[in-house]
Amino acid sequence: MVEPSTLLLFAGAVLLLLMSPGPNMAFVIAHGASYGWRGGVIAALGIGAADLVLTALTAAGLTAAIAQWPPSFDLIRWAGAFYLLWMAWKAIRVRAGLPLHSAIQVSLMSVFIRAMLNSLLNPKALLFFMVFLPQFVVRGSSPVAQQIVTLGLVLTLIASFFHVALGLVGGIIRGYASHKGESAKWQSRSLAFVLVLLAVRLVFTSRPA
C-alpha cells in the first residue's frame, strides 16, 4: 500500500492541478450548461471512467509502450480533434421542432460516452498518467503496479468530486439562462463553440520534448 504521507502529498498535487483551467473543466461546465446538472454530472462520471481506464493502462505498462511509438501522439491527437468537431456538428444540428425536454433526455444517453472518449482521445491525458503517477511510487515498498492503481483510484475519486461540482455549476448556469428565456438552440451553439475550441487546442498541442 502507499504510505499515508505520500497519499496526502499526492492528493494535494492533484487538487492543485485540478484548479488550473483545462479541457475537462470546460467540457463538464459546457455540458452542464447545455443539458442541466444531470448532463454535467454524467460528463464528470464519464471522465472518471476514462481515468480508471488510463490507470489500468499505466499499471499494465501500456501507456509507456504507446508513448514510445512516435506516431501514436499525432494519431490520438487528430482522432480526438475530429471527434470533438463531430460532436460540435451534432450539437449544432439540434432539431428546432424537438421539445427541449426530449432533446435533453436523448443527449444524456450519449454524454457519458462522449466524456469518456474525449479524455481517452487526448494524448496529453495518456502522457499525464504515464509521467505523473510514477513520481509518487516508492521503490522497494509494495509492487509498483499496485501502488499505481491505488494512486489512480485516489486521483479518480478526487477528480470526480471536483468535476461533479463543476457539472452542478453548469446546471446553475443553464437554469439562469432558462429564466432569461434563452432557447435550446442558443445553448446547443454555445456547446458547439466550446467543443470547436477544444478541438483547435488539441490540433495545436505539441508533443512534449
C-alpha atoms as a PDB file:
ATOM      1  CA  MET A   1       0.000   0.000   0.000  1.00  0.00           C
ATOM      2  CA  VAL A   2       1.011   3.629  -0.500  1.00  0.00           C
ATOM      3  CA  GLU A   3       2.166   5.397   2.644  1.00  0.00           C
ATOM      4  CA  PRO A   4      -0.305   7.944   4.124  1.00  0.00           C
ATOM      5  CA  SER A   5       2.215  10.791   3.814  1.00  0.00           C
ATOM      6  CA  THR A   6       2.694  10.021   0.115  1.00  0.00           C
ATOM      7  CA  LEU A   7      -1.069   9.859  -0.430  1.00  0.00           C
ATOM      8  CA  LEU A   8      -1.518  13.228   1.291  1.00  0.00           C
ATOM      9  CA  LEU A   9       1.173  14.815  -0.876  1.00  0.00           C
ATOM     10  CA  PHE A  10      -0.328  13.197  -3.963  1.00  0.00           C
ATOM     11  CA  ALA A  11      -3.857  14.400  -3.130  1.00  0.00           C
ATOM     12  CA  GLY A  12      -2.579  17.956  -2.665  1.00  0.00           C
ATOM     13  CA  ALA A  13      -0.803  17.859  -6.018  1.00  0.00           C
ATOM     14  CA  VAL A  14      -3.944  16.545  -7.726  1.00  0.00           C
ATOM     15  CA  LEU A  15      -6.066  19.341  -6.233  1.00  0.00           C
ATOM     16  CA  LEU A  16      -3.605  21.985  -7.405  1.00  0.00           C
ATOM     17  CA  LEU A  17      -3.624  20.555 -10.923  1.00  0.00           C
ATOM     18  CA  LEU A  18      -7.430  20.421 -10.992  1.00  0.00           C
ATOM     19  CA  MET A  19      -7.628  24.099 -10.068  1.00  0.00           C
ATOM     20  CA  SER A  20      -5.832  25.008 -13.291  1.00  0.00           C
ATOM     21  CA  PRO A  21      -8.286  25.640 -16.166  1.00  0.00           C
ATOM     22  CA  GLY A  22      -8.221  22.747 -18.615  1.00  0.00           C
ATOM     23  CA  PRO A  23     -10.242  20.904 -21.269  1.00  0.00           C
ATOM     24  CA  ASN A  24     -12.069  18.655 -18.795  1.00  0.00           C
ATOM     25  CA  MET A  25     -13.222  21.682 -16.820  1.00  0.00           C
ATOM     26  CA  ALA A  26     -14.574  23.366 -19.954  1.00  0.00           C
ATOM     27  CA  PHE A  27     -16.159  20.123 -21.177  1.00  0.00           C
ATOM     28  CA  VAL A  28     -18.078  19.472 -17.946  1.00  0.00           C
ATOM     29  CA  ILE A  29     -19.294  23.050 -17.451  1.00  0.00           C
ATOM     30  CA  ALA A  30     -20.391  23.277 -21.091  1.00  0.00           C
ATOM     31  CA  HIS A  31     -22.419  20.064 -20.854  1.00  0.00           C
ATOM     32  CA  GLY A  32     -23.935  21.131 -17.540  1.00  0.00           C
ATOM     33  CA  ALA A  33     -24.928  24.477 -19.069  1.00  0.00           C
ATOM     34  CA  SER A  34     -26.442  22.748 -22.117  1.00  0.00           C
ATOM     35  CA  TYR A  35     -28.147  19.710 -20.538  1.00  0.00           C
ATOM     36  CA  GLY A  36     -28.632  20.735 -16.922  1.00  0.00           C
ATOM     37  CA  TRP A  37     -26.945  19.401 -13.804  1.00  0.00           C
ATOM     38  CA  ARG A  38     -27.578  15.789 -14.840  1.00  0.00           C
ATOM     39  CA  GLY A  39     -25.609  16.349 -18.030  1.00  0.00           C
ATOM     40  CA  GLY A  40     -22.748  17.891 -16.080  1.00  0.00           C
ATOM     41  CA  VAL A  41     -22.674  15.077 -13.512  1.00  0.00           C
ATOM     42  CA  ILE A  42     -22.787  12.380 -16.187  1.00  0.00           C
ATOM     43  CA  ALA A  43     -19.965  14.113 -18.077  1.00  0.00           C
ATOM     44  CA  ALA A  44     -17.940  14.105 -14.845  1.00  0.00           C
ATOM     45  CA  LEU A  45     -18.581  10.393 -14.381  1.00  0.00           C
ATOM     46  CA  GLY A  46     -17.516   9.727 -17.970  1.00  0.00           C
ATOM     47  CA  ILE A  47     -14.209  11.480 -17.323  1.00  0.00           C
ATOM     48  CA  GLY A  48     -13.847   9.432 -14.140  1.00  0.00           C
ATOM     49  CA  ALA A  49     -14.348   6.234 -16.130  1.00  0.00           C
ATOM     50  CA  ALA A  50     -11.625   7.328 -18.547  1.00  0.00           C
ATOM     51  CA  ASP A  51      -9.305   7.970 -15.594  1.00  0.00           C
ATOM     52  CA  LEU A  52      -9.864   4.392 -14.422  1.00  0.00           C
ATOM     53  CA  VAL A  53      -9.030   3.065 -17.899  1.00  0.00           C
ATOM     54  CA  LEU A  54      -5.860   5.171 -18.049  1.00  0.00           C
ATOM     55  CA  THR A  55      -4.898   3.978 -14.572  1.00  0.00           C
ATOM     56  CA  ALA A  56      -5.231   0.357 -15.665  1.00  0.00           C
ATOM     57  CA  LEU A  57      -3.210   1.026 -18.826  1.00  0.00           C
ATOM     58  CA  THR A  58      -0.493   2.742 -16.794  1.00  0.00           C
ATOM     59  CA  ALA A  59      -0.317  -0.053 -14.231  1.00  0.00           C
ATOM     60  CA  ALA A  60      -0.002  -2.576 -17.052  1.00  0.00           C
ATOM     61  CA  GLY A  61       2.774  -0.544 -18.693  1.00  0.00           C
ATOM     62  CA  LEU A  62       0.726   0.037 -21.849  1.00  0.00           C
ATOM     63  CA  THR A  63       0.796   3.828 -21.685  1.00  0.00           C
ATOM     64  CA  ALA A  64       4.602   3.768 -21.803  1.00  0.00           C
ATOM     65  CA  ALA A  65       4.539   1.311 -24.701  1.00  0.00           C
ATOM     66  CA  ILE A  66       2.114   3.518 -26.646  1.00  0.00           C
ATOM     67  CA  ALA A  67       4.105   6.678 -25.918  1.00  0.00           C
ATOM     68  CA  GLN A  68       7.319   5.057 -27.191  1.00  0.00           C
ATOM     69  CA  TRP A  69       5.782   4.662 -30.650  1.00  0.00           C
ATOM     70  CA  PRO A  70       6.413   8.121 -32.257  1.00  0.00           C
ATOM     71  CA  PRO A  71       3.252   8.338 -34.452  1.00  0.00           C
ATOM     72  CA  SER A  72       0.948   7.496 -31.525  1.00  0.00           C
ATOM     73  CA  PHE A  73       0.769  11.053 -30.179  1.00  0.00           C
ATOM     74  CA  ASP A  74      -0.335  12.522 -33.515  1.00  0.00           C
ATOM     75  CA  LEU A  75      -2.765   9.695 -34.255  1.00  0.00           C
ATOM     76  CA  ILE A  76      -4.533  10.113 -30.906  1.00  0.00           C
ATOM     77  CA  ARG A  77      -4.403  13.907 -31.189  1.00  0.00           C
ATOM     78  CA  TRP A  78      -6.051  14.019 -34.619  1.00  0.00           C
ATOM     79  CA  ALA A  79      -8.607  11.371 -33.685  1.00  0.00           C
ATOM     80  CA  GLY A  80      -9.575  13.434 -30.642  1.00  0.00           C
ATOM     81  CA  ALA A  81      -9.815  16.651 -32.672  1.00  0.00           C
ATOM     82  CA  PHE A  82     -12.051  15.041 -35.316  1.00  0.00           C
ATOM     83  CA  TYR A  83     -14.227  13.520 -32.585  1.00  0.00           C
ATOM     84  CA  LEU A  84     -14.697  16.915 -30.913  1.00  0.00           C
ATOM     85  CA  LEU A  85     -15.605  18.519 -34.244  1.00  0.00           C
ATOM     86  CA  TRP A  86     -18.096  15.730 -34.924  1.00  0.00           C
ATOM     87  CA  MET A  87     -19.706  16.339 -31.510  1.00  0.00           C
ATOM     88  CA  ALA A  88     -19.842  20.073 -32.283  1.00  0.00           C
ATOM     89  CA  TRP A  89     -21.590  19.353 -35.590  1.00  0.00           C
ATOM     90  CA  LYS A  90     -24.148  17.144 -33.837  1.00  0.00           C
ATOM     91  CA  ALA A  91     -24.778  19.877 -31.252  1.00  0.00           C
ATOM     92  CA  ILE A  92     -25.458  22.446 -33.989  1.00  0.00           C
ATOM     93  CA  ARG A  93     -27.908  20.129 -35.739  1.00  0.00           C
ATOM     94  CA  VAL A  94     -30.385  20.024 -32.840  1.00  0.00           C
ATOM     95  CA  ARG A  95     -33.799  19.935 -34.447  1.00  0.00           C
ATOM     96  CA  ALA A  96     -35.731  23.110 -33.795  1.00  0.00           C
ATOM     97  CA  GLY A  97     -39.014  21.221 -33.549  1.00  0.00           C
ATOM     98  CA  LEU A  98     -37.814  18.769 -30.903  1.00  0.00           C
ATOM     99  CA  PRO A  99     -39.101  19.585 -27.395  1.00  0.00           C
ATOM    100  CA  LEU A 100     -36.323  20.737 -25.082  1.00  0.00           C
ATOM    101  CA  HIS A 101     -37.011  18.005 -22.506  1.00  0.00           C
ATOM    102  CA  SER A 102     -36.811  15.288 -25.165  1.00  0.00           C
ATOM    103  CA  ALA A 103     -33.623  16.744 -26.625  1.00  0.00           C
ATOM    104  CA  ILE A 104     -32.018  16.715 -23.199  1.00  0.00           C
ATOM    105  CA  GLN A 105     -33.027  13.115 -22.492  1.00  0.00           C
ATOM    106  CA  VAL A 106     -31.764  11.893 -25.857  1.00  0.00           C
ATOM    107  CA  SER A 107     -28.459  13.711 -25.425  1.00  0.00           C
ATOM    108  CA  LEU A 108     -27.887  12.434 -21.883  1.00  0.00           C
ATOM    109  CA  MET A 109     -27.734   8.871 -23.189  1.00  0.00           C
ATOM    110  CA  SER A 110     -24.508   9.718 -25.064  1.00  0.00           C
ATOM    111  CA  VAL A 111     -22.908  12.288 -22.742  1.00  0.00           C
ATOM    112  CA  PHE A 112     -21.148   9.619 -20.670  1.00  0.00           C
ATOM    113  CA  ILE A 113     -19.552   8.047 -23.745  1.00  0.00           C
ATOM    114  CA  ARG A 114     -18.710  11.489 -25.144  1.00  0.00           C
ATOM    115  CA  ALA A 115     -16.880  12.469 -21.972  1.00  0.00           C
ATOM    116  CA  MET A 116     -15.048   9.168 -21.704  1.00  0.00           C
ATOM    117  CA  LEU A 117     -13.873   9.202 -25.322  1.00  0.00           C
ATOM    118  CA  ASN A 118     -12.924  12.881 -25.100  1.00  0.00           C
ATOM    119  CA  SER A 119     -10.479  12.024 -22.313  1.00  0.00           C
ATOM    120  CA  LEU A 120      -9.166   8.837 -23.885  1.00  0.00           C
ATOM    121  CA  LEU A 121      -8.545  10.600 -27.208  1.00  0.00           C
ATOM    122  CA  ASN A 122      -6.433  13.273 -25.542  1.00  0.00           C
ATOM    123  CA  PRO A 123      -2.770  12.208 -25.838  1.00  0.00           C
ATOM    124  CA  LYS A 124      -1.772  14.576 -23.038  1.00  0.00           C
ATOM    125  CA  ALA A 125      -4.035  12.670 -20.639  1.00  0.00           C
ATOM    126  CA  LEU A 126      -2.202   9.457 -21.519  1.00  0.00           C
ATOM    127  CA  LEU A 127       1.198  11.120 -21.031  1.00  0.00           C
ATOM    128  CA  PHE A 128      -0.008  12.715 -17.790  1.00  0.00           C
ATOM    129  CA  PHE A 129      -0.810   9.346 -16.243  1.00  0.00           C
ATOM    130  CA  MET A 130       2.437   7.853 -17.545  1.00  0.00           C
ATOM    131  CA  VAL A 131       4.567  10.662 -16.071  1.00  0.00           C
ATOM    132  CA  PHE A 132       2.600  11.854 -13.015  1.00  0.00           C
ATOM    133  CA  LEU A 133       1.617   8.661 -11.195  1.00  0.00           C
ATOM    134  CA  PRO A 134       5.084   7.003 -11.152  1.00  0.00           C
ATOM    135  CA  GLN A 135       6.551  10.089  -9.433  1.00  0.00           C
ATOM    136  CA  PHE A 136       4.749   9.058  -6.231  1.00  0.00           C
ATOM    137  CA  VAL A 137       5.698   5.385  -6.382  1.00  0.00           C
ATOM    138  CA  VAL A 138       8.027   4.304  -3.551  1.00  0.00           C
ATOM    139  CA  ARG A 139      10.512   1.762  -4.841  1.00  0.00           C
ATOM    140  CA  GLY A 140      11.069  -1.281  -2.651  1.00  0.00           C
ATOM    141  CA  SER A 141       7.695  -0.893  -0.924  1.00  0.00           C
ATOM    142  CA  SER A 142       4.687  -2.725  -2.382  1.00  0.00           C
ATOM    143  CA  PRO A 143       4.520  -3.802  -6.060  1.00  0.00           C
ATOM    144  CA  VAL A 144       4.719  -0.822  -8.422  1.00  0.00           C
ATOM    145  CA  ALA A 145       1.529  -1.763 -10.291  1.00  0.00           C
ATOM    146  CA  GLN A 146      -0.389  -1.960  -7.007  1.00  0.00           C
ATOM    147  CA  GLN A 147       0.816   1.493  -5.961  1.00  0.00           C
ATOM    148  CA  ILE A 148      -0.116   2.977  -9.352  1.00  0.00           C
ATOM    149  CA  VAL A 149      -3.617   1.507  -9.102  1.00  0.00           C
ATOM    150  CA  THR A 150      -4.025   2.982  -5.600  1.00  0.00           C
ATOM    151  CA  LEU A 151      -2.821   6.388  -6.752  1.00  0.00           C
ATOM    152  CA  GLY A 152      -5.058   6.229  -9.825  1.00  0.00           C
ATOM    153  CA  LEU A 153      -8.103   5.419  -7.697  1.00  0.00           C
ATOM    154  CA  VAL A 154      -7.359   8.357  -5.387  1.00  0.00           C
ATOM    155  CA  LEU A 155      -6.922  10.661  -8.387  1.00  0.00           C
ATOM    156  CA  THR A 156     -10.178   9.431  -9.930  1.00  0.00           C
ATOM    157  CA  LEU A 157     -12.087   9.946  -6.685  1.00  0.00           C
ATOM    158  CA  ILE A 158     -10.804  13.494  -6.144  1.00  0.00           C
ATOM    159  CA  ALA A 159     -11.220  14.486  -9.785  1.00  0.00           C
ATOM    160  CA  SER A 160     -14.734  13.025  -9.951  1.00  0.00           C
ATOM    161  CA  PHE A 161     -15.918  15.042  -6.937  1.00  0.00           C
ATOM    162  CA  PHE A 162     -14.332  18.160  -8.410  1.00  0.00           C
ATOM    163  CA  HIS A 163     -15.880  17.661 -11.847  1.00  0.00           C
ATOM    164  CA  VAL A 164     -19.295  16.795 -10.380  1.00  0.00           C
ATOM    165  CA  ALA A 165     -19.192  20.155  -8.569  1.00  0.00           C
ATOM    166  CA  LEU A 166     -18.386  21.848 -11.876  1.00  0.00           C
ATOM    167  CA  GLY A 167     -21.273  19.996 -13.514  1.00  0.00           C
ATOM    168  CA  LEU A 168     -23.620  21.362 -10.868  1.00  0.00           C
ATOM    169  CA  VAL A 169     -22.288  24.860 -11.547  1.00  0.00           C
ATOM    170  CA  GLY A 170     -23.040  24.307 -15.226  1.00  0.00           C
ATOM    171  CA  GLY A 171     -26.575  23.308 -14.273  1.00  0.00           C
ATOM    172  CA  ILE A 172     -26.976  26.571 -12.354  1.00  0.00           C
ATOM    173  CA  ILE A 173     -25.822  28.469 -15.443  1.00  0.00           C
ATOM    174  CA  ARG A 174     -28.415  26.660 -17.544  1.00  0.00           C
ATOM    175  CA  GLY A 175     -31.140  27.410 -15.010  1.00  0.00           C
ATOM    176  CA  TYR A 176     -30.227  31.088 -15.055  1.00  0.00           C
ATOM    177  CA  ALA A 177     -30.243  31.140 -18.870  1.00  0.00           C
ATOM    178  CA  SER A 178     -33.626  29.397 -18.952  1.00  0.00           C
ATOM    179  CA  HIS A 179     -35.120  32.011 -16.642  1.00  0.00           C
ATOM    180  CA  LYS A 180     -33.817  34.654 -19.024  1.00  0.00           C
ATOM    181  CA  GLY A 181     -35.710  32.971 -21.838  1.00  0.00           C
ATOM    182  CA  GLU A 182     -32.672  31.596 -23.659  1.00  0.00           C
ATOM    183  CA  SER A 183     -33.511  28.933 -26.262  1.00  0.00           C
ATOM    184  CA  ALA A 184     -32.222  25.377 -26.642  1.00  0.00           C
ATOM    185  CA  LYS A 185     -30.665  26.404 -29.967  1.00  0.00           C
ATOM    186  CA  TRP A 186     -28.514  29.050 -28.224  1.00  0.00           C
ATOM    187  CA  GLN A 187     -27.374  26.501 -25.655  1.00  0.00           C
ATOM    188  CA  SER A 188     -26.515  23.978 -28.374  1.00  0.00           C
ATOM    189  CA  ARG A 189     -24.490  26.556 -30.292  1.00  0.00           C
ATOM    190  CA  SER A 190     -22.612  27.524 -27.137  1.00  0.00           C
ATOM    191  CA  LEU A 191     -21.738  23.860 -26.544  1.00  0.00           C
ATOM    192  CA  ALA A 192     -20.606  23.519 -30.165  1.00  0.00           C
ATOM    193  CA  PHE A 193     -18.396  26.607 -29.781  1.00  0.00           C
ATOM    194  CA  VAL A 194     -16.675  25.141 -26.710  1.00  0.00           C
ATOM    195  CA  LEU A 195     -16.137  21.800 -28.481  1.00  0.00           C
ATOM    196  CA  VAL A 196     -14.609  23.543 -31.500  1.00  0.00           C
ATOM    197  CA  LEU A 197     -12.243  25.487 -29.230  1.00  0.00           C
ATOM    198  CA  LEU A 198     -11.186  22.235 -27.546  1.00  0.00           C
ATOM    199  CA  ALA A 199     -10.593  20.669 -30.967  1.00  0.00           C
ATOM    200  CA  VAL A 200      -8.427  23.600 -32.083  1.00  0.00           C
ATOM    201  CA  ARG A 201      -6.493  23.413 -28.822  1.00  0.00           C
ATOM    202  CA  LEU A 202      -5.872  19.725 -29.401  1.00  0.00           C
ATOM    203  CA  VAL A 203      -4.744  20.266 -33.008  1.00  0.00           C
ATOM    204  CA  PHE A 204      -2.098  22.753 -31.893  1.00  0.00           C
ATOM    205  CA  THR A 205      -0.927  20.612 -28.978  1.00  0.00           C
ATOM    206  CA  SER A 206       2.715  19.687 -29.496  1.00  0.00           C
ATOM    207  CA  ARG A 207       4.358  16.520 -28.297  1.00  0.00           C
ATOM    208  CA  PRO A 208       6.414  17.165 -25.126  1.00  0.00           C
ATOM    209  CA  ALA A 209      10.136  17.022 -25.786  1.00  0.00           C
END
